[in-house]
Amino acid sequence: MIKATLTGQRLVAVFLLGCILVNYPVLSVFNPDATWGGIPVLYLYVFGVWAAVIALMAWIIER
């Protein structure tokens, strides 16, 4: 029972971290017209954060 509660708390923490990372003030840092390999840095950041949050949640659930 305690493990389920701890897992739930960790998932909520990862969700809140994801919300903070895709919030406007943080996104504005990656908003210039810079590109990396022809792809806008903002797109790379958003998809990278999205993939990292999903991977972290999967790791927490499997643990």
N, C-alpha and C. Protein backbone atom coordinates (compact mmCIF):
# COMPACT_ATOMS: atom_id res chain seq x y z
N MET A 1 0.82 -1.20 0.00
CA MET A 1 0.00 0.00 0.00
C MET A 1 0.86 1.26 0.00
N ILE A 2 1.94 1.25 0.76
CA ILE A 2 2.81 2.42 0.82
C ILE A 2 3.51 2.63 -0.52
N LYS A 3 3.89 1.54 -1.19
CA LYS A 3 4.56 1.67 -2.49
C LYS A 3 3.64 2.32 -3.52
N ALA A 4 2.35 1.96 -3.51
CA ALA A 4 1.40 2.56 -4.45
C ALA A 4 1.25 4.05 -4.19
N THR A 5 1.23 4.43 -2.93
CA THR A 5 1.11 5.85 -2.59
C THR A 5 2.36 6.61 -3.03
N LEU A 6 3.52 6.03 -2.79
CA LEU A 6 4.77 6.67 -3.19
C LEU A 6 4.87 6.79 -4.71
N THR A 7 4.45 5.76 -5.41
CA THR A 7 4.45 5.80 -6.88
C THR A 7 3.52 6.90 -7.38
N GLY A 8 2.35 7.00 -6.80
CA GLY A 8 1.40 8.05 -7.19
C GLY A 8 1.96 9.44 -6.95
N GLN A 9 2.63 9.61 -5.83
CA GLN A 9 3.22 10.91 -5.52
C GLN A 9 4.33 11.26 -6.51
N ARG A 10 5.12 10.27 -6.87
CA ARG A 10 6.19 10.51 -7.85
C ARG A 10 5.61 10.86 -9.22
N LEU A 11 4.53 10.18 -9.61
CA LEU A 11 3.91 10.49 -10.90
C LEU A 11 3.34 11.90 -10.91
N VAL A 12 2.74 12.32 -9.82
CA VAL A 12 2.22 13.68 -9.73
C VAL A 12 3.37 14.68 -9.81
N ALA A 13 4.48 14.39 -9.16
CA ALA A 13 5.64 15.28 -9.21
C ALA A 13 6.19 15.40 -10.62
N VAL A 14 6.26 14.29 -11.35
CA VAL A 14 6.75 14.32 -12.73
C VAL A 14 5.78 15.11 -13.61
N PHE A 15 4.48 14.93 -13.39
CA PHE A 15 3.48 15.68 -14.14
C PHE A 15 3.64 17.18 -13.91
N LEU A 16 3.80 17.58 -12.66
CA LEU A 16 3.97 19.00 -12.35
C LEU A 16 5.27 19.55 -12.94
N LEU A 17 6.33 18.75 -12.91
CA LEU A 17 7.59 19.16 -13.53
C LEU A 17 7.39 19.36 -15.03
N GLY A 18 6.66 18.45 -15.66
CA GLY A 18 6.37 18.59 -17.09
C GLY A 18 5.58 19.85 -17.39
N CYS A 19 4.61 20.16 -16.52
CA CYS A 19 3.83 21.39 -16.71
C CYS A 19 4.70 22.63 -16.60
N ILE A 20 5.62 22.62 -15.66
CA ILE A 20 6.52 23.76 -15.50
C ILE A 20 7.44 23.90 -16.71
N LEU A 21 7.95 22.77 -17.21
CA LEU A 21 8.90 22.82 -18.32
C LEU A 21 8.27 23.26 -19.64
N VAL A 22 6.97 23.11 -19.80
CA VAL A 22 6.32 23.56 -21.03
C VAL A 22 5.48 24.82 -20.80
N ASN A 23 5.73 25.52 -19.70
CA ASN A 23 5.06 26.77 -19.41
C ASN A 23 5.76 27.90 -20.17
N TYR A 24 5.06 29.00 -20.39
CA TYR A 24 5.57 30.07 -21.24
C TYR A 24 6.94 30.63 -20.82
N PRO A 25 7.19 30.96 -19.55
CA PRO A 25 8.50 31.55 -19.25
C PRO A 25 9.67 30.66 -19.65
N VAL A 26 9.54 29.37 -19.50
CA VAL A 26 10.63 28.47 -19.88
C VAL A 26 10.68 28.32 -21.39
N LEU A 27 9.52 28.25 -22.03
CA LEU A 27 9.48 28.13 -23.50
C LEU A 27 10.07 29.36 -24.18
N SER A 28 9.93 30.52 -23.56
CA SER A 28 10.44 31.74 -24.19
C SER A 28 11.96 31.72 -24.31
N VAL A 29 12.64 30.93 -23.50
CA VAL A 29 14.09 30.82 -23.59
C VAL A 29 14.49 30.16 -24.91
N PHE A 30 13.68 29.23 -25.38
CA PHE A 30 13.99 28.47 -26.59
C PHE A 30 13.27 29.01 -27.82
N ASN A 31 12.71 30.21 -27.74
CA ASN A 31 11.90 30.75 -28.82
C ASN A 31 12.65 31.50 -29.91
N PRO A 32 13.93 31.84 -29.78
CA PRO A 32 14.57 32.59 -30.88
C PRO A 32 14.56 31.79 -32.18
N ASP A 33 14.91 32.45 -33.24
CA ASP A 33 14.87 31.82 -34.56
C ASP A 33 16.06 30.90 -34.80
N ALA A 34 16.62 30.36 -33.77
CA ALA A 34 17.77 29.46 -33.91
C ALA A 34 17.30 28.08 -34.36
N THR A 35 18.14 27.43 -35.13
CA THR A 35 17.83 26.07 -35.57
C THR A 35 19.01 25.17 -35.24
N TRP A 36 18.73 23.91 -35.12
CA TRP A 36 19.77 22.92 -34.88
C TRP A 36 19.51 21.78 -35.85
N GLY A 37 20.36 21.67 -36.82
CA GLY A 37 20.16 20.65 -37.85
C GLY A 37 18.96 20.96 -38.73
N GLY A 38 18.62 22.24 -38.86
CA GLY A 38 17.49 22.63 -39.69
C GLY A 38 16.14 22.57 -38.98
N ILE A 39 16.13 22.14 -37.71
CA ILE A 39 14.89 22.04 -36.94
C ILE A 39 14.91 23.15 -35.89
N PRO A 40 13.81 23.91 -35.75
CA PRO A 40 13.78 24.96 -34.72
C PRO A 40 14.03 24.38 -33.33
N VAL A 41 14.82 25.10 -32.54
CA VAL A 41 15.19 24.64 -31.21
C VAL A 41 13.96 24.48 -30.32
N LEU A 42 12.96 25.33 -30.51
CA LEU A 42 11.73 25.23 -29.71
C LEU A 42 11.05 23.88 -29.92
N TYR A 43 10.98 23.43 -31.16
CA TYR A 43 10.37 22.12 -31.45
C TYR A 43 11.17 21.00 -30.81
N LEU A 44 12.48 21.07 -30.90
CA LEU A 44 13.32 20.05 -30.28
C LEU A 44 13.12 20.01 -28.77
N TYR A 45 13.03 21.19 -28.16
CA TYR A 45 12.83 21.26 -26.72
C TYR A 45 11.49 20.67 -26.31
N VAL A 46 10.42 21.06 -26.99
CA VAL A 46 9.08 20.58 -26.63
C VAL A 46 9.00 19.07 -26.78
N PHE A 47 9.44 18.54 -27.90
CA PHE A 47 9.36 17.09 -28.10
C PHE A 47 10.34 16.34 -27.19
N GLY A 48 11.47 16.95 -26.88
CA GLY A 48 12.41 16.33 -25.94
C GLY A 48 11.85 16.24 -24.53
N VAL A 49 11.22 17.32 -24.07
CA VAL A 49 10.59 17.31 -22.75
C VAL A 49 9.44 16.31 -22.72
N TRP A 50 8.65 16.29 -23.77
CA TRP A 50 7.52 15.36 -23.86
C TRP A 50 8.01 13.91 -23.77
N ALA A 51 9.04 13.58 -24.53
CA ALA A 51 9.58 12.22 -24.51
C ALA A 51 10.21 11.90 -23.15
N ALA A 52 10.89 12.86 -22.55
CA ALA A 52 11.52 12.63 -21.25
C ALA A 52 10.48 12.40 -20.15
N VAL A 53 9.39 13.15 -20.18
CA VAL A 53 8.33 12.97 -19.17
C VAL A 53 7.69 11.60 -19.33
N ILE A 54 7.42 11.19 -20.55
CA ILE A 54 6.84 9.86 -20.78
C ILE A 54 7.80 8.77 -20.32
N ALA A 55 9.07 8.90 -20.66
CA ALA A 55 10.06 7.89 -20.26
C ALA A 55 10.21 7.84 -18.74
N LEU A 56 10.21 8.99 -18.10
CA LEU A 56 10.34 9.02 -16.64
C LEU A 56 9.12 8.41 -15.96
N MET A 57 7.93 8.69 -16.49
CA MET A 57 6.72 8.08 -15.92
C MET A 57 6.72 6.57 -16.11
N ALA A 58 7.15 6.11 -17.26
CA ALA A 58 7.22 4.66 -17.51
C ALA A 58 8.23 4.01 -16.57
N TRP A 59 9.36 4.68 -16.35
CA TRP A 59 10.37 4.14 -15.44
C TRP A 59 9.84 4.07 -14.00
N ILE A 60 9.11 5.09 -13.57
CA ILE A 60 8.54 5.10 -12.22
C ILE A 60 7.51 3.98 -12.06
N ILE A 61 6.67 3.79 -13.06
CA ILE A 61 5.64 2.75 -12.97
C ILE A 61 6.26 1.36 -12.95
N GLU A 62 7.29 1.14 -13.75
CA GLU A 62 7.91 -0.19 -13.81
C GLU A 62 8.78 -0.49 -12.59
N ARG A 63 9.18 0.51 -11.88
CA ARG A 63 10.07 0.34 -10.73
C ARG A 63 9.41 -0.26 -9.56
